[in-house]
Amino acid sequence: MPEITIRPATEADLSAIHALMYELAVYEKAPEAVAATVEEYTEDFRNGLFESHVAVLDGQIIGMTLFYMAYSSWKGKMLYLDDFVVTEASRRYGAGQLLFDAFLEEGRRRGCRLVKWQVLDWNEPALNFYRKNDAIIEMDWWNGKIFLNVG
């Protein structure tokens, strides 16, 4: 197995993170929904709105998690995983598990009682991965959202 390094992302990684996010959007059949730019990523990263871990193989970023602190009124501190992707060509090396383990450890390190994310109901590989990690896949909560016009 090749050696994969997991590390916190830096500002220099944001273009690669954005590209991976777009790869995920294509996989999820929604590339047209991507509105955030690399410049917005940079500003928001600098302002602490999100953090990321990256998986590096042979000097190239092959995967990432993008997460931020949130709060559960029932449980308290929570780490929310907004995006999680490994390039298709690199999925057989275990980078996904290493990234997910690092995300879980980050939640523990911060004293979170809960980590949370979303997964599409048709994404069987992801569902199987999460189930293998003893995740609870909720089927009774529906997501709500409203897109706001920003100037």
Protein backbone atom coordinates (compact mmCIF):
# COMPACT_ATOMS: atom_id res chain seq x y z
CA MET A 1 0.00 0.00 0.00
CA PRO A 2 1.29 3.47 -0.80
CA GLU A 3 2.00 5.84 2.09
CA ILE A 4 -0.81 8.37 2.57
CA THR A 5 -0.38 11.35 4.86
CA ILE A 6 -3.36 13.06 6.51
CA ARG A 7 -2.76 16.63 7.63
CA PRO A 8 -4.67 19.84 8.33
CA ALA A 9 -5.23 21.87 5.19
CA THR A 10 -3.48 25.17 4.59
CA GLU A 11 -4.50 28.11 2.47
CA ALA A 12 -2.23 26.78 -0.29
CA ASP A 13 -4.45 23.66 -0.49
CA LEU A 14 -7.71 25.49 -1.21
CA SER A 15 -7.60 25.19 -5.00
CA ALA A 16 -7.15 21.42 -4.71
CA ILE A 17 -9.91 21.23 -2.08
CA HIS A 18 -12.24 23.22 -4.34
CA ALA A 19 -11.44 20.91 -7.27
CA LEU A 20 -12.20 17.84 -5.14
CA MET A 21 -15.47 19.41 -4.01
CA TYR A 22 -16.39 19.97 -7.66
CA GLU A 23 -15.49 16.33 -8.46
CA LEU A 24 -17.90 15.31 -5.70
CA ALA A 25 -20.62 17.59 -7.12
CA VAL A 26 -20.20 15.92 -10.53
CA TYR A 27 -20.47 12.48 -8.88
CA GLU A 28 -23.60 13.65 -7.04
CA LYS A 29 -25.05 14.79 -10.39
CA ALA A 30 -25.17 18.46 -9.38
CA PRO A 31 -22.16 20.34 -10.82
CA GLU A 32 -24.40 23.27 -11.78
CA ALA A 33 -25.22 23.78 -8.09
CA VAL A 34 -21.63 24.80 -7.25
CA ALA A 35 -21.57 28.55 -6.62
CA ALA A 36 -18.67 28.99 -4.18
CA THR A 37 -15.40 30.08 -5.78
CA VAL A 38 -11.80 29.47 -4.73
CA GLU A 39 -11.65 33.16 -3.75
CA GLU A 40 -14.64 32.68 -1.44
CA TYR A 41 -13.03 29.56 -0.02
CA THR A 42 -9.91 31.58 0.71
CA GLU A 43 -11.78 34.40 2.45
CA ASP A 44 -13.93 32.00 4.46
CA PHE A 45 -10.94 29.81 5.40
CA ARG A 46 -9.08 32.91 6.61
CA ASN A 47 -12.14 33.88 8.66
CA GLY A 48 -12.29 30.44 10.30
CA LEU A 49 -15.66 29.47 8.81
CA PHE A 50 -14.41 26.01 7.89
CA GLU A 51 -11.43 23.74 8.29
CA SER A 52 -10.21 20.80 6.29
CA HIS A 53 -7.96 17.77 6.39
CA VAL A 54 -6.27 16.57 3.23
CA ALA A 55 -4.93 13.19 2.18
CA VAL A 56 -1.60 13.41 0.36
CA LEU A 57 -0.08 10.69 -1.80
CA ASP A 58 3.21 11.24 -3.64
CA GLY A 59 2.95 14.99 -3.05
CA GLN A 60 -0.56 15.23 -4.51
CA ILE A 61 -3.78 15.91 -2.62
CA ILE A 62 -6.05 12.95 -3.34
CA GLY A 63 -8.79 13.53 -0.78
CA MET A 64 -10.24 15.90 1.76
CA THR A 65 -12.76 16.48 4.49
CA LEU A 66 -14.27 19.92 4.96
CA PHE A 67 -15.85 20.54 8.36
CA TYR A 68 -16.86 23.17 10.89
CA MET A 69 -18.05 23.48 14.47
CA ALA A 70 -21.78 23.47 15.03
CA TYR A 71 -24.06 23.08 18.01
CA SER A 72 -26.79 20.61 18.85
CA SER A 73 -29.33 21.98 21.30
CA TRP A 74 -29.83 18.40 22.51
CA LYS A 75 -26.23 17.18 22.60
CA GLY A 76 -23.96 20.24 22.76
CA LYS A 77 -20.80 20.68 20.70
CA MET A 78 -20.90 19.02 17.31
CA LEU A 79 -18.50 18.80 14.39
CA TYR A 80 -20.28 18.92 11.04
CA LEU A 81 -18.73 17.19 8.03
CA ASP A 82 -19.83 19.18 5.00
CA ASP A 83 -17.80 17.41 2.32
CA PHE A 84 -15.73 14.26 2.17
CA VAL A 85 -14.18 12.99 -1.04
CA VAL A 86 -11.28 10.94 -2.35
CA THR A 87 -10.41 10.97 -6.04
CA GLU A 88 -11.87 7.97 -7.81
CA ALA A 89 -8.43 6.74 -8.88
CA SER A 90 -7.21 6.72 -5.26
CA ARG A 91 -10.14 5.09 -3.48
CA ARG A 92 -8.53 1.67 -3.20
CA TYR A 93 -5.67 2.84 -0.94
CA GLY A 94 -7.59 3.47 2.28
CA ALA A 95 -7.37 7.28 2.18
CA GLY A 96 -11.10 7.60 2.90
CA GLN A 97 -10.83 5.64 6.12
CA LEU A 98 -7.77 7.62 7.19
CA LEU A 99 -9.57 10.92 6.51
CA PHE A 100 -12.72 9.79 8.32
CA ASP A 101 -10.70 8.58 11.31
CA ALA A 102 -8.93 11.96 11.45
CA PHE A 103 -12.31 13.74 11.34
CA LEU A 104 -13.64 11.60 14.20
CA GLU A 105 -10.48 12.22 16.21
CA GLU A 106 -10.83 15.97 15.61
CA GLY A 107 -14.34 15.80 17.06
CA ARG A 108 -13.08 13.91 20.11
CA ARG A 109 -10.17 16.34 20.56
CA ARG A 110 -12.63 19.25 20.61
CA GLY A 111 -14.87 17.58 23.16
CA CYS A 112 -17.77 17.11 20.75
CA ARG A 113 -20.50 14.69 21.70
CA LEU A 114 -21.62 14.30 18.11
CA VAL A 115 -20.37 14.39 14.55
CA LYS A 116 -22.86 14.71 11.76
CA TRP A 117 -23.08 14.76 7.97
CA GLN A 118 -25.44 14.07 5.09
CA VAL A 119 -25.33 11.29 2.54
CA LEU A 120 -27.47 10.84 -0.55
CA ASP A 121 -29.92 7.95 -0.34
CA TRP A 122 -28.69 6.47 -3.64
CA ASN A 123 -24.97 6.61 -2.79
CA GLU A 124 -24.54 2.96 -1.83
CA PRO A 125 -20.71 3.04 -1.63
CA ALA A 126 -20.89 5.92 0.87
CA LEU A 127 -23.75 4.33 2.82
CA ASN A 128 -21.79 1.08 3.05
CA PHE A 129 -18.68 2.96 4.20
CA TYR A 130 -20.58 4.77 6.96
CA ARG A 131 -22.35 1.60 8.07
CA LYS A 132 -18.97 -0.17 8.23
CA ASN A 133 -17.96 2.62 10.63
CA ASP A 134 -21.03 2.00 12.84
CA ALA A 135 -22.74 5.24 11.78
CA ILE A 136 -26.42 5.81 12.40
CA ILE A 137 -28.08 6.65 9.09
CA GLU A 138 -31.25 8.56 9.96
CA MET A 139 -34.24 7.88 7.76
CA ASP A 140 -36.80 9.86 9.72
CA TRP A 141 -35.41 13.42 9.55
CA TRP A 142 -35.89 15.50 6.41
CA ASN A 143 -33.60 18.34 5.45
CA GLY A 144 -34.95 21.84 4.95
CA LYS A 145 -33.22 24.71 3.20
CA ILE A 146 -33.79 28.09 1.60
CA PHE A 147 -31.33 29.67 -0.81
CA LEU A 148 -30.78 33.33 0.01
CA ASN A 149 -29.97 35.96 -2.57
CA VAL A 150 -26.64 37.54 -1.72
CA GLY A 151 -25.43 40.72 -3.30
